[in-house]
Structure formats: C-alpha cells, structure tokens
Amino acid sequence: MDAIQEKSAKKINGFIMILVIIALLIVDYLLFRQSIEPISVPLLIISVLLFCFISISFNGFIAVQPNDSRVIILFGKYLGTVRTTGFWWVNPFVIKKSVSLRIHNFNSEKIKVNDLHGNPIEIAAVIVWRVVDTARAIFDVQNYEQFVAIQSETAIRGLATKYAYDSAEDEKFSLRGNPQEIAEELKKEVQSRLDVAGVEVIESRISYLAYAPEIAQAMLRRQQAQAVVAARQKIVEGAVGMVEMALKALSDQNIVKLDEDKKATMVNNLMVALVSEVQAQPVINTGTLYQ
C-alpha cells in the first residue's frame, strides 16, 4: 500500500461564510414568519431544515495560526490539509485534527549502553525536529511524537555502540573527541528512522556523555596515565632537540672540544636536568688543584 502524501484541502474564507450564514438566517426567519401566518407545513419544514443546516454549518469554522495546520478527514477519507494561516470554513461533517508545524526539542534521558570497546557509558542527546508532512504524521504512525522519542533513543543507542568513548588513535572518530562528526552521524541516523512519519530532523547533538559510575574511577586513572605518558613523550622530544642544539652550537663555535665519552656524560647530565620533575641543582667544577 502506497504511503499517503500531504495535499491541500479545499476551504472557503470564514468571513464570507459568516455573511452567507447571516443571510440564510434572515431568509429562514422570513420563511418561518410566512409558515405560521397562515400555517404552511411545507414552508415550516423548509424553515426547520434550513435552521438545522445553519446550526451544523458553525462546526465548519476553523482558525489556523502561524506554523499550525488542520488535517481534514471525511468519513475515514483524507481530504487534505489546511496550512494557510487565517479564518476558514470547511465541510462541517469532517474531522479536523490539529498538527503543529513548529520546531520541537526532544531531550532524551540518560541512556546506559556499551561503546565500541564494551565499556559501559551514559549518553543523552537533543534532537530538534518538526513535521513536514502532516498526512504521514497522522496516518502512517500511531503517535508521531511518541514515535520520534522512541526512534531517537534507538538511534542514540545504535550510534554509541559504533564508536568508542575516547580513542587514542587520531585517525579514528570517538564520541568525546569528534563531537561535530558524531552529531552529523546522529542526525543522519535519526532522520532515516523518522522519514516514515513525515518528520524532518533539523539538528542533533550529544548533551551528556560520561562513563558509567562503576568504571568511572578506573577510566579516569587510565586517562590520567595516558596524559602523563603523552606529556613525558613531548618533554623527551623537546629535551633531545635541546641537547642536539647545544652540542651542535658548541661544535660550530669551537667553544670546547668533546670526545665521545665527554659527549655521553654531557648528554646524560642535560637529559637528567631537562626531563627530571625535580629542579636540578647545578654543581660548579673549578678544576683540579694539581695539574
């Protein structure tokens, strides 16, 4: 069965219909007066039927606000949607279902799920969405707002299992290290699930991300250890460069000539002084007493 597509419903300006109903009321009043003096059964029946029609006609008035719509249904058949802002009149026998076209925010609860490496994490996201096809939102899903909530949470769970919380390799995406890329991936994932409901995803982003409490302390220590290793690596790289620069400067400017043993001793002393966490204490060598 083909999906129902939104179409425009037939409508009449509400103010014009008010004038028509007022005119019908006047006609009905005149018919009623004529039907009782003298009594005329046919005119009385026409007057009563006209009054019933006028009474029912008031049910056809609708007021559509900006970013609002009315889905028109007649005896189970979809007639169309009124999106145009204003005061309108439609068939009084139809069912009019209101569908908001405004932008909505869905804030998910904190979801506990395992990431790519199997680590339990807690994640939550914000999904910004709106209805773009009112017919599909009403007829293709049971409750489109509830559908958005359930499918969004399912997409968040699926995304969390595809990426690691934090990756040590720069070429791989991670939930914490690549928020922009993850947000775009989440948007695509949610949109693919909500197309059936006529919903457009405007924006999606992770609003909360943390390790689960049972492993939070262990993961914090691991992150601290990784940070220390990375810092040490930078320090060693910088120290090696400074030692190389010092030896080259001494050699180029002929300040002192060092053999291999003295170079090794100097390198050892400089590396200890540069890499050590404790501030180095200089020792001044004034030479030997006897030459």
C-alpha atoms as a PDB file:
ATOM      1  CA  MET A   1       0.000   0.000   0.000  1.00  0.00           C
ATOM      2  CA  ASP A   2       1.373   3.402  -1.020  1.00  0.00           C
ATOM      3  CA  ALA A   3       2.065   5.942   1.698  1.00  0.00           C
ATOM      4  CA  ILE A   4      -0.353   8.859   1.907  1.00  0.00           C
ATOM      5  CA  GLN A   5       1.116  12.149   0.743  1.00  0.00           C
ATOM      6  CA  GLU A   6       0.024  15.525   2.047  1.00  0.00           C
ATOM      7  CA  LYS A   7      -2.199  17.649  -0.195  1.00  0.00           C
ATOM      8  CA  SER A   8      -4.041  20.937   0.167  1.00  0.00           C
ATOM      9  CA  ALA A   9      -7.652  20.792   1.364  1.00  0.00           C
ATOM     10  CA  LYS A  10     -10.498  22.820  -0.140  1.00  0.00           C
ATOM     11  CA  LYS A  11     -11.622  25.707   2.029  1.00  0.00           C
ATOM     12  CA  ILE A  12     -13.679  28.900   1.956  1.00  0.00           C
ATOM     13  CA  ASN A  13     -12.932  32.225   3.594  1.00  0.00           C
ATOM     14  CA  GLY A  14     -14.574  32.150   7.011  1.00  0.00           C
ATOM     15  CA  PHE A  15     -15.726  35.763   6.944  1.00  0.00           C
ATOM     16  CA  ILE A  16     -17.549  35.222   3.662  1.00  0.00           C
ATOM     17  CA  MET A  17     -19.306  32.199   5.169  1.00  0.00           C
ATOM     18  CA  ILE A  18     -20.381  34.282   8.167  1.00  0.00           C
ATOM     19  CA  LEU A  19     -22.113  36.713   5.788  1.00  0.00           C
ATOM     20  CA  VAL A  20     -23.728  33.769   3.968  1.00  0.00           C
ATOM     21  CA  ILE A  21     -24.988  32.290   7.250  1.00  0.00           C
ATOM     22  CA  ILE A  22     -26.383  35.655   8.362  1.00  0.00           C
ATOM     23  CA  ALA A  23     -28.219  35.911   5.040  1.00  0.00           C
ATOM     24  CA  LEU A  24     -29.570  32.375   5.487  1.00  0.00           C
ATOM     25  CA  LEU A  25     -30.740  33.262   8.996  1.00  0.00           C
ATOM     26  CA  ILE A  26     -32.687  36.207   7.608  1.00  0.00           C
ATOM     27  CA  VAL A  27     -34.215  34.005   4.903  1.00  0.00           C
ATOM     28  CA  ASP A  28     -35.053  31.355   7.482  1.00  0.00           C
ATOM     29  CA  TYR A  29     -36.741  33.935   9.704  1.00  0.00           C
ATOM     30  CA  LEU A  30     -38.862  35.191   6.829  1.00  0.00           C
ATOM     31  CA  LEU A  31     -39.839  31.644   5.846  1.00  0.00           C
ATOM     32  CA  PHE A  32     -40.801  30.888   9.421  1.00  0.00           C
ATOM     33  CA  ARG A  33     -42.985  34.005   9.609  1.00  0.00           C
ATOM     34  CA  GLN A  34     -44.728  33.059   6.409  1.00  0.00           C
ATOM     35  CA  SER A  35     -45.230  29.446   7.515  1.00  0.00           C
ATOM     36  CA  ILE A  36     -47.231  30.386  10.657  1.00  0.00           C
ATOM     37  CA  GLU A  37     -49.499  33.116   9.217  1.00  0.00           C
ATOM     38  CA  PRO A  38     -51.323  31.193   7.889  1.00  0.00           C
ATOM     39  CA  ILE A  39     -49.795  27.827   8.823  1.00  0.00           C
ATOM     40  CA  SER A  40     -47.965  26.229   5.895  1.00  0.00           C
ATOM     41  CA  VAL A  41     -46.486  22.819   6.583  1.00  0.00           C
ATOM     42  CA  PRO A  42     -44.111  22.767   3.559  1.00  0.00           C
ATOM     43  CA  LEU A  43     -42.676  26.188   4.438  1.00  0.00           C
ATOM     44  CA  LEU A  44     -42.354  25.174   8.082  1.00  0.00           C
ATOM     45  CA  ILE A  45     -40.433  22.027   7.132  1.00  0.00           C
ATOM     46  CA  ILE A  46     -38.120  24.047   4.864  1.00  0.00           C
ATOM     47  CA  SER A  47     -37.570  26.571   7.654  1.00  0.00           C
ATOM     48  CA  VAL A  48     -36.677  23.844  10.169  1.00  0.00           C
ATOM     49  CA  LEU A  49     -34.325  22.111   7.739  1.00  0.00           C
ATOM     50  CA  LEU A  50     -32.654  25.412   6.882  1.00  0.00           C
ATOM     51  CA  PHE A  51     -32.182  26.177  10.565  1.00  0.00           C
ATOM     52  CA  CYS A  52     -30.618  22.749  11.122  1.00  0.00           C
ATOM     53  CA  PHE A  53     -28.251  23.340   8.211  1.00  0.00           C
ATOM     54  CA  ILE A  54     -27.249  26.738   9.623  1.00  0.00           C
ATOM     55  CA  SER A  55     -26.610  25.207  13.049  1.00  0.00           C
ATOM     56  CA  ILE A  56     -24.441  22.449  11.588  1.00  0.00           C
ATOM     57  CA  SER A  57     -22.543  24.966   9.436  1.00  0.00           C
ATOM     58  CA  PHE A  58     -21.000  26.571  12.507  1.00  0.00           C
ATOM     59  CA  ASN A  59     -18.990  23.364  13.007  1.00  0.00           C
ATOM     60  CA  GLY A  60     -17.090  24.069   9.787  1.00  0.00           C
ATOM     61  CA  PHE A  61     -15.221  27.143  11.016  1.00  0.00           C
ATOM     62  CA  ILE A  62     -11.517  26.780  11.794  1.00  0.00           C
ATOM     63  CA  ALA A  63      -8.805  29.268  12.762  1.00  0.00           C
ATOM     64  CA  VAL A  64      -5.286  28.327  11.678  1.00  0.00           C
ATOM     65  CA  GLN A  65      -2.427  30.028  13.499  1.00  0.00           C
ATOM     66  CA  PRO A  66       1.095  30.501  12.091  1.00  0.00           C
ATOM     67  CA  ASN A  67       3.049  27.211  11.988  1.00  0.00           C
ATOM     68  CA  ASP A  68      -0.132  25.257  12.612  1.00  0.00           C
ATOM     69  CA  SER A  69      -2.305  23.027  10.399  1.00  0.00           C
ATOM     70  CA  ARG A  70      -5.554  21.056  10.270  1.00  0.00           C
ATOM     71  CA  VAL A  71      -5.791  17.587   8.734  1.00  0.00           C
ATOM     72  CA  ILE A  72      -9.263  17.170   7.193  1.00  0.00           C
ATOM     73  CA  ILE A  73     -10.885  13.708   7.272  1.00  0.00           C
ATOM     74  CA  LEU A  74     -14.374  12.916   5.932  1.00  0.00           C
ATOM     75  CA  PHE A  75     -15.818   9.541   6.948  1.00  0.00           C
ATOM     76  CA  GLY A  76     -12.352   7.982   7.109  1.00  0.00           C
ATOM     77  CA  LYS A  77     -11.107   9.530   3.858  1.00  0.00           C
ATOM     78  CA  TYR A  78      -8.237  12.024   3.858  1.00  0.00           C
ATOM     79  CA  LEU A  79      -9.341  15.181   2.032  1.00  0.00           C
ATOM     80  CA  GLY A  80      -6.271  17.349   2.586  1.00  0.00           C
ATOM     81  CA  THR A  81      -4.504  19.679   4.977  1.00  0.00           C
ATOM     82  CA  VAL A  82      -5.117  23.353   5.685  1.00  0.00           C
ATOM     83  CA  ARG A  83      -1.778  25.073   6.265  1.00  0.00           C
ATOM     84  CA  THR A  84      -2.664  28.638   5.287  1.00  0.00           C
ATOM     85  CA  THR A  85      -2.942  30.977   8.246  1.00  0.00           C
ATOM     86  CA  GLY A  86      -6.341  32.592   8.719  1.00  0.00           C
ATOM     87  CA  PHE A  87     -10.057  32.046   9.391  1.00  0.00           C
ATOM     88  CA  TRP A  88     -11.584  29.377   7.156  1.00  0.00           C
ATOM     89  CA  TRP A  89     -14.683  27.281   6.623  1.00  0.00           C
ATOM     90  CA  VAL A  90     -14.623  23.642   5.560  1.00  0.00           C
ATOM     91  CA  ASN A  91     -17.140  20.853   5.278  1.00  0.00           C
ATOM     92  CA  PRO A  92     -18.871  20.776   8.711  1.00  0.00           C
ATOM     93  CA  PHE A  93     -19.085  16.969   8.709  1.00  0.00           C
ATOM     94  CA  VAL A  94     -15.321  16.414   8.621  1.00  0.00           C
ATOM     95  CA  ILE A  95     -12.949  15.579  11.464  1.00  0.00           C
ATOM     96  CA  LYS A  96     -10.285  18.243  11.926  1.00  0.00           C
ATOM     97  CA  LYS A  97      -7.018  17.063  13.524  1.00  0.00           C
ATOM     98  CA  SER A  98      -4.516  19.679  14.592  1.00  0.00           C
ATOM     99  CA  VAL A  99      -0.849  19.096  13.721  1.00  0.00           C
ATOM    100  CA  SER A 100       1.750  21.590  14.900  1.00  0.00           C
ATOM    101  CA  LEU A 101       4.374  22.642  12.358  1.00  0.00           C
ATOM    102  CA  ARG A 102       6.516  24.343  14.988  1.00  0.00           C
ATOM    103  CA  ILE A 103      10.046  23.259  15.833  1.00  0.00           C
ATOM    104  CA  HIS A 104      10.213  20.777  18.715  1.00  0.00           C
ATOM    105  CA  ASN A 105      13.019  19.693  21.025  1.00  0.00           C
ATOM    106  CA  PHE A 106      13.364  16.139  22.239  1.00  0.00           C
ATOM    107  CA  ASN A 107      15.684  15.770  25.232  1.00  0.00           C
ATOM    108  CA  SER A 108      16.470  12.112  25.762  1.00  0.00           C
ATOM    109  CA  GLU A 109      17.032  10.604  29.176  1.00  0.00           C
ATOM    110  CA  LYS A 110      20.489   9.378  30.131  1.00  0.00           C
ATOM    111  CA  ILE A 111      20.875   6.035  28.383  1.00  0.00           C
ATOM    112  CA  LYS A 112      23.285   3.396  29.671  1.00  0.00           C
ATOM    113  CA  VAL A 113      24.906   1.497  26.805  1.00  0.00           C
ATOM    114  CA  ASN A 114      28.219  -0.155  25.892  1.00  0.00           C
ATOM    115  CA  ASP A 115      30.527   1.661  23.486  1.00  0.00           C
ATOM    116  CA  LEU A 116      32.594   0.057  20.707  1.00  0.00           C
ATOM    117  CA  HIS A 117      35.106  -1.350  23.216  1.00  0.00           C
ATOM    118  CA  GLY A 118      32.396  -2.714  25.503  1.00  0.00           C
ATOM    119  CA  ASN A 119      32.822  -0.011  28.149  1.00  0.00           C
ATOM    120  CA  PRO A 120      29.539   0.993  29.822  1.00  0.00           C
ATOM    121  CA  ILE A 121      28.788   4.672  29.262  1.00  0.00           C
ATOM    122  CA  GLU A 122      25.917   7.069  29.884  1.00  0.00           C
ATOM    123  CA  ILE A 123      24.783   9.183  26.953  1.00  0.00           C
ATOM    124  CA  ALA A 124      21.973  11.630  26.214  1.00  0.00           C
ATOM    125  CA  ALA A 125      21.163  13.762  23.182  1.00  0.00           C
ATOM    126  CA  VAL A 126      18.998  16.641  21.990  1.00  0.00           C
ATOM    127  CA  ILE A 127      17.008  16.196  18.773  1.00  0.00           C
ATOM    128  CA  VAL A 128      15.482  19.270  17.084  1.00  0.00           C
ATOM    129  CA  TRP A 129      12.657  18.297  14.721  1.00  0.00           C
ATOM    130  CA  ARG A 130       9.428  19.391  13.032  1.00  0.00           C
ATOM    131  CA  VAL A 131       6.625  17.878  10.970  1.00  0.00           C
ATOM    132  CA  VAL A 132       6.912  18.465   7.215  1.00  0.00           C
ATOM    133  CA  ASP A 133       4.233  16.014   6.006  1.00  0.00           C
ATOM    134  CA  THR A 134       1.084  16.128   8.143  1.00  0.00           C
ATOM    135  CA  ALA A 135      -0.613  13.240   6.340  1.00  0.00           C
ATOM    136  CA  ARG A 136       2.219  10.805   7.052  1.00  0.00           C
ATOM    137  CA  ALA A 137       2.487  12.036  10.637  1.00  0.00           C
ATOM    138  CA  ILE A 138      -1.209  11.278  11.255  1.00  0.00           C
ATOM    139  CA  PHE A 139      -1.837   8.164   9.162  1.00  0.00           C
ATOM    140  CA  ASP A 140       1.486   6.297   8.897  1.00  0.00           C
ATOM    141  CA  VAL A 141       2.329   6.123  12.628  1.00  0.00           C
ATOM    142  CA  GLN A 142       0.213   5.696  15.735  1.00  0.00           C
ATOM    143  CA  ASN A 143       1.506   8.738  17.623  1.00  0.00           C
ATOM    144  CA  TYR A 144       4.163  10.761  15.842  1.00  0.00           C
ATOM    145  CA  GLU A 145       5.513  12.493  18.976  1.00  0.00           C
ATOM    146  CA  GLN A 146       5.959   9.190  20.791  1.00  0.00           C
ATOM    147  CA  PHE A 147       7.399   7.704  17.605  1.00  0.00           C
ATOM    148  CA  VAL A 148      10.044  10.463  17.493  1.00  0.00           C
ATOM    149  CA  ALA A 149      11.008   9.812  21.123  1.00  0.00           C
ATOM    150  CA  ILE A 150      11.353   6.027  20.743  1.00  0.00           C
ATOM    151  CA  GLN A 151      13.202   6.102  17.417  1.00  0.00           C
ATOM    152  CA  SER A 152      15.560   8.852  18.609  1.00  0.00           C
ATOM    153  CA  GLU A 153      16.572   6.832  21.663  1.00  0.00           C
ATOM    154  CA  THR A 154      17.075   3.765  19.471  1.00  0.00           C
ATOM    155  CA  ALA A 155      19.323   5.764  17.130  1.00  0.00           C
ATOM    156  CA  ILE A 156      21.346   7.087  20.079  1.00  0.00           C
ATOM    157  CA  ARG A 157      21.907   3.547  21.352  1.00  0.00           C
ATOM    158  CA  GLY A 158      22.963   2.359  17.906  1.00  0.00           C
ATOM    159  CA  LEU A 159      25.384   5.260  17.470  1.00  0.00           C
ATOM    160  CA  ALA A 160      27.014   4.723  20.879  1.00  0.00           C
ATOM    161  CA  THR A 161      27.836   1.103  20.035  1.00  0.00           C
ATOM    162  CA  LYS A 162      29.565   2.094  16.761  1.00  0.00           C
ATOM    163  CA  TYR A 163      32.163   4.412  18.339  1.00  0.00           C
ATOM    164  CA  ALA A 164      34.484   4.333  21.315  1.00  0.00           C
ATOM    165  CA  TYR A 165      34.073   6.817  24.138  1.00  0.00           C
ATOM    166  CA  ASP A 166      37.635   8.015  23.641  1.00  0.00           C
ATOM    167  CA  SER A 167      40.154   6.829  21.056  1.00  0.00           C
ATOM    168  CA  ALA A 168      43.910   7.120  21.393  1.00  0.00           C
ATOM    169  CA  GLU A 169      44.327   6.985  17.618  1.00  0.00           C
ATOM    170  CA  ASP A 170      43.848  10.344  15.902  1.00  0.00           C
ATOM    171  CA  GLU A 171      42.547   8.826  12.670  1.00  0.00           C
ATOM    172  CA  LYS A 172      39.544   7.199  14.366  1.00  0.00           C
ATOM    173  CA  PHE A 173      36.408   9.023  15.465  1.00  0.00           C
ATOM    174  CA  SER A 174      35.343   8.889  19.092  1.00  0.00           C
ATOM    175  CA  LEU A 175      32.282  10.104  20.942  1.00  0.00           C
ATOM    176  CA  ARG A 176      34.292  12.555  23.031  1.00  0.00           C
ATOM    177  CA  GLY A 177      36.960  13.549  20.543  1.00  0.00           C
ATOM    178  CA  ASN A 178      34.811  14.264  17.470  1.00  0.00           C
ATOM    179  CA  PRO A 179      31.564  15.910  18.629  1.00  0.00           C
ATOM    180  CA  GLN A 180      30.786  17.604  15.287  1.00  0.00           C
ATOM    181  CA  GLU A 181      31.205  14.449  13.213  1.00  0.00           C
ATOM    182  CA  ILE A 182      29.243  12.393  15.741  1.00  0.00           C
ATOM    183  CA  ALA A 183      26.414  14.964  15.701  1.00  0.00           C
ATOM    184  CA  GLU A 184      26.162  14.728  11.902  1.00  0.00           C
ATOM    185  CA  GLU A 185      26.161  10.935  12.053  1.00  0.00           C
ATOM    186  CA  LEU A 186      23.443  11.005  14.714  1.00  0.00           C
ATOM    187  CA  LYS A 187      21.334  13.366  12.582  1.00  0.00           C
ATOM    188  CA  LYS A 188      21.525  11.016   9.592  1.00  0.00           C
ATOM    189  CA  GLU A 189      20.703   8.007  11.753  1.00  0.00           C
ATOM    190  CA  VAL A 190      17.643   9.651  13.325  1.00  0.00           C
ATOM    191  CA  GLN A 191      16.424  11.093  10.004  1.00  0.00           C
ATOM    192  CA  SER A 192      16.481   7.684   8.332  1.00  0.00           C
ATOM    193  CA  ARG A 193      14.187   6.372  11.076  1.00  0.00           C
ATOM    194  CA  LEU A 194      11.763   9.330  11.070  1.00  0.00           C
ATOM    195  CA  ASP A 195      11.195   9.702   7.316  1.00  0.00           C
ATOM    196  CA  VAL A 196       8.225   7.344   7.542  1.00  0.00           C
ATOM    197  CA  ALA A 197       6.486   9.755   9.940  1.00  0.00           C
ATOM    198  CA  GLY A 198       6.967  12.848   7.754  1.00  0.00           C
ATOM    199  CA  VAL A 199       9.372  14.385  10.274  1.00  0.00           C
ATOM    200  CA  GLU A 200      12.465  16.450   9.447  1.00  0.00           C
ATOM    201  CA  VAL A 201      15.452  16.441  11.802  1.00  0.00           C
ATOM    202  CA  ILE A 202      16.914  19.943  11.923  1.00  0.00           C
ATOM    203  CA  GLU A 203      19.742  19.371  14.383  1.00  0.00           C
ATOM    204  CA  SER A 204      21.021  16.717  16.744  1.00  0.00           C
ATOM    205  CA  ARG A 205      23.827  16.800  19.286  1.00  0.00           C
ATOM    206  CA  ILE A 206      25.041  14.886  22.326  1.00  0.00           C
ATOM    207  CA  SER A 207      24.054  16.719  25.500  1.00  0.00           C
ATOM    208  CA  TYR A 208      25.608  14.349  28.054  1.00  0.00           C
ATOM    209  CA  LEU A 209      28.445  11.851  27.836  1.00  0.00           C
ATOM    210  CA  ALA A 210      30.244  10.064  30.670  1.00  0.00           C
ATOM    211  CA  TYR A 211      31.498   6.690  31.741  1.00  0.00           C
ATOM    212  CA  ALA A 212      29.110   4.664  33.863  1.00  0.00           C
ATOM    213  CA  PRO A 213      29.705   5.137  37.624  1.00  0.00           C
ATOM    214  CA  GLU A 214      31.071   1.599  38.128  1.00  0.00           C
ATOM    215  CA  ILE A 215      34.063   2.222  35.840  1.00  0.00           C
ATOM    216  CA  ALA A 216      34.363   5.999  36.026  1.00  0.00           C
ATOM    217  CA  GLN A 217      37.258   5.982  38.545  1.00  0.00           C
ATOM    218  CA  ALA A 218      39.216   3.339  36.652  1.00  0.00           C
ATOM    219  CA  MET A 219      38.786   5.168  33.358  1.00  0.00           C
ATOM    220  CA  LEU A 220      39.801   8.445  34.991  1.00  0.00           C
ATOM    221  CA  ARG A 221      43.050   6.863  36.172  1.00  0.00           C
ATOM    222  CA  ARG A 222      43.626   5.484  32.683  1.00  0.00           C
ATOM    223  CA  GLN A 223      43.093   8.911  31.135  1.00  0.00           C
ATOM    224  CA  GLN A 224      45.474  10.440  33.653  1.00  0.00           C
ATOM    225  CA  ALA A 225      48.101   7.798  32.849  1.00  0.00           C
ATOM    226  CA  GLN A 226      47.692   8.431  29.127  1.00  0.00           C
ATOM    227  CA  ALA A 227      48.039  12.166  29.711  1.00  0.00           C
ATOM    228  CA  VAL A 228      51.230  11.633  31.741  1.00  0.00           C
ATOM    229  CA  VAL A 229      52.710   9.386  29.031  1.00  0.00           C
ATOM    230  CA  ALA A 230      51.852  11.905  26.322  1.00  0.00           C
ATOM    231  CA  ALA A 231      53.353  14.750  28.358  1.00  0.00           C
ATOM    232  CA  ARG A 232      56.514  12.731  29.017  1.00  0.00           C
ATOM    233  CA  GLN A 233      56.836  11.997  25.324  1.00  0.00           C
ATOM    234  CA  LYS A 234      56.674  15.701  24.497  1.00  0.00           C
ATOM    235  CA  ILE A 235      59.217  16.510  27.207  1.00  0.00           C
ATOM    236  CA  VAL A 236      61.657  13.866  25.957  1.00  0.00           C
ATOM    237  CA  GLU A 237      61.264  15.050  22.340  1.00  0.00           C
ATOM    238  CA  GLY A 238      61.961  18.612  23.425  1.00  0.00           C
ATOM    239  CA  ALA A 239      64.926  17.603  25.594  1.00  0.00           C
ATOM    240  CA  VAL A 240      66.530  15.622  22.773  1.00  0.00           C
ATOM    241  CA  GLY A 241      66.196  18.626  20.491  1.00  0.00           C
ATOM    242  CA  MET A 242      67.760  20.949  23.060  1.00  0.00           C
ATOM    243  CA  VAL A 243      70.680  18.579  23.688  1.00  0.00           C
ATOM    244  CA  GLU A 244      71.289  18.233  19.956  1.00  0.00           C
ATOM    245  CA  MET A 245      71.161  22.007  19.562  1.00  0.00           C
ATOM    246  CA  ALA A 246      73.603  22.517  22.476  1.00  0.00           C
ATOM    247  CA  LEU A 247      76.135  20.018  21.127  1.00  0.00           C
ATOM    248  CA  LYS A 248      75.916  21.496  17.635  1.00  0.00           C
ATOM    249  CA  ALA A 249      76.407  25.042  18.938  1.00  0.00           C
ATOM    250  CA  LEU A 250      79.458  24.027  20.994  1.00  0.00           C
ATOM    251  CA  SER A 251      80.967  22.276  17.986  1.00  0.00           C
ATOM    252  CA  ASP A 252      80.212  25.018  15.425  1.00  0.00           C
ATOM    253  CA  GLN A 253      81.547  27.847  17.613  1.00  0.00           C
ATOM    254  CA  ASN A 254      84.634  25.876  18.778  1.00  0.00           C
ATOM    255  CA  ILE A 255      83.876  26.681  22.399  1.00  0.00           C
ATOM    256  CA  VAL A 256      85.070  23.321  23.623  1.00  0.00           C
ATOM    257  CA  LYS A 257      86.091  20.062  22.014  1.00  0.00           C
ATOM    258  CA  LEU A 258      84.470  16.982  23.476  1.00  0.00           C
ATOM    259  CA  ASP A 259      85.381  13.391  22.880  1.00  0.00           C
ATOM    260  CA  GLU A 260      82.729  10.683  22.767  1.00  0.00           C
ATOM    261  CA  ASP A 261      82.918   9.918  26.491  1.00  0.00           C
ATOM    262  CA  LYS A 262      82.514  13.563  27.476  1.00  0.00           C
ATOM    263  CA  LYS A 263      79.672  13.965  24.983  1.00  0.00           C
ATOM    264  CA  ALA A 264      77.930  10.984  26.545  1.00  0.00           C
ATOM    265  CA  THR A 265      78.431  12.457  30.028  1.00  0.00           C
ATOM    266  CA  MET A 266      77.136  15.856  28.889  1.00  0.00           C
ATOM    267  CA  VAL A 267      74.110  14.289  27.189  1.00  0.00           C
ATOM    268  CA  ASN A 268      73.353  12.304  30.346  1.00  0.00           C
ATOM    269  CA  ASN A 269      73.565  15.404  32.550  1.00  0.00           C
ATOM    270  CA  LEU A 270      71.454  17.549  30.210  1.00  0.00           C
ATOM    271  CA  MET A 271      68.771  14.864  29.845  1.00  0.00           C
ATOM    272  CA  VAL A 272      68.559  14.407  33.612  1.00  0.00           C
ATOM    273  CA  ALA A 273      68.290  18.171  34.120  1.00  0.00           C
ATOM    274  CA  LEU A 274      65.658  18.647  31.409  1.00  0.00           C
ATOM    275  CA  VAL A 275      63.493  15.574  31.982  1.00  0.00           C
ATOM    276  CA  SER A 276      63.573  15.306  35.765  1.00  0.00           C
ATOM    277  CA  GLU A 277      60.495  16.502  37.641  1.00  0.00           C
ATOM    278  CA  VAL A 278      62.728  17.784  40.469  1.00  0.00           C
ATOM    279  CA  GLN A 279      64.554  21.033  39.838  1.00  0.00           C
ATOM    280  CA  ALA A 280      68.214  20.298  39.058  1.00  0.00           C
ATOM    281  CA  GLN A 281      70.909  21.669  41.410  1.00  0.00           C
ATOM    282  CA  PRO A 282      73.954  22.928  39.461  1.00  0.00           C
ATOM    283  CA  VAL A 283      77.442  21.864  40.595  1.00  0.00           C
ATOM    284  CA  ILE A 284      80.305  24.210  39.624  1.00  0.00           C
ATOM    285  CA  ASN A 285      83.533  22.462  38.671  1.00  0.00           C
ATOM    286  CA  THR A 286      86.538  24.768  39.321  1.00  0.00           C
ATOM    287  CA  GLY A 287      89.132  22.282  38.118  1.00  0.00           C
ATOM    288  CA  THR A 288      91.713  20.223  39.974  1.00  0.00           C
ATOM    289  CA  LEU A 289      94.251  21.592  42.478  1.00  0.00           C
ATOM    290  CA  TYR A 290      97.260  19.955  40.871  1.00  0.00           C
ATOM    291  CA  GLN A 291      97.802  19.829  37.143  1.00  0.00           C
END
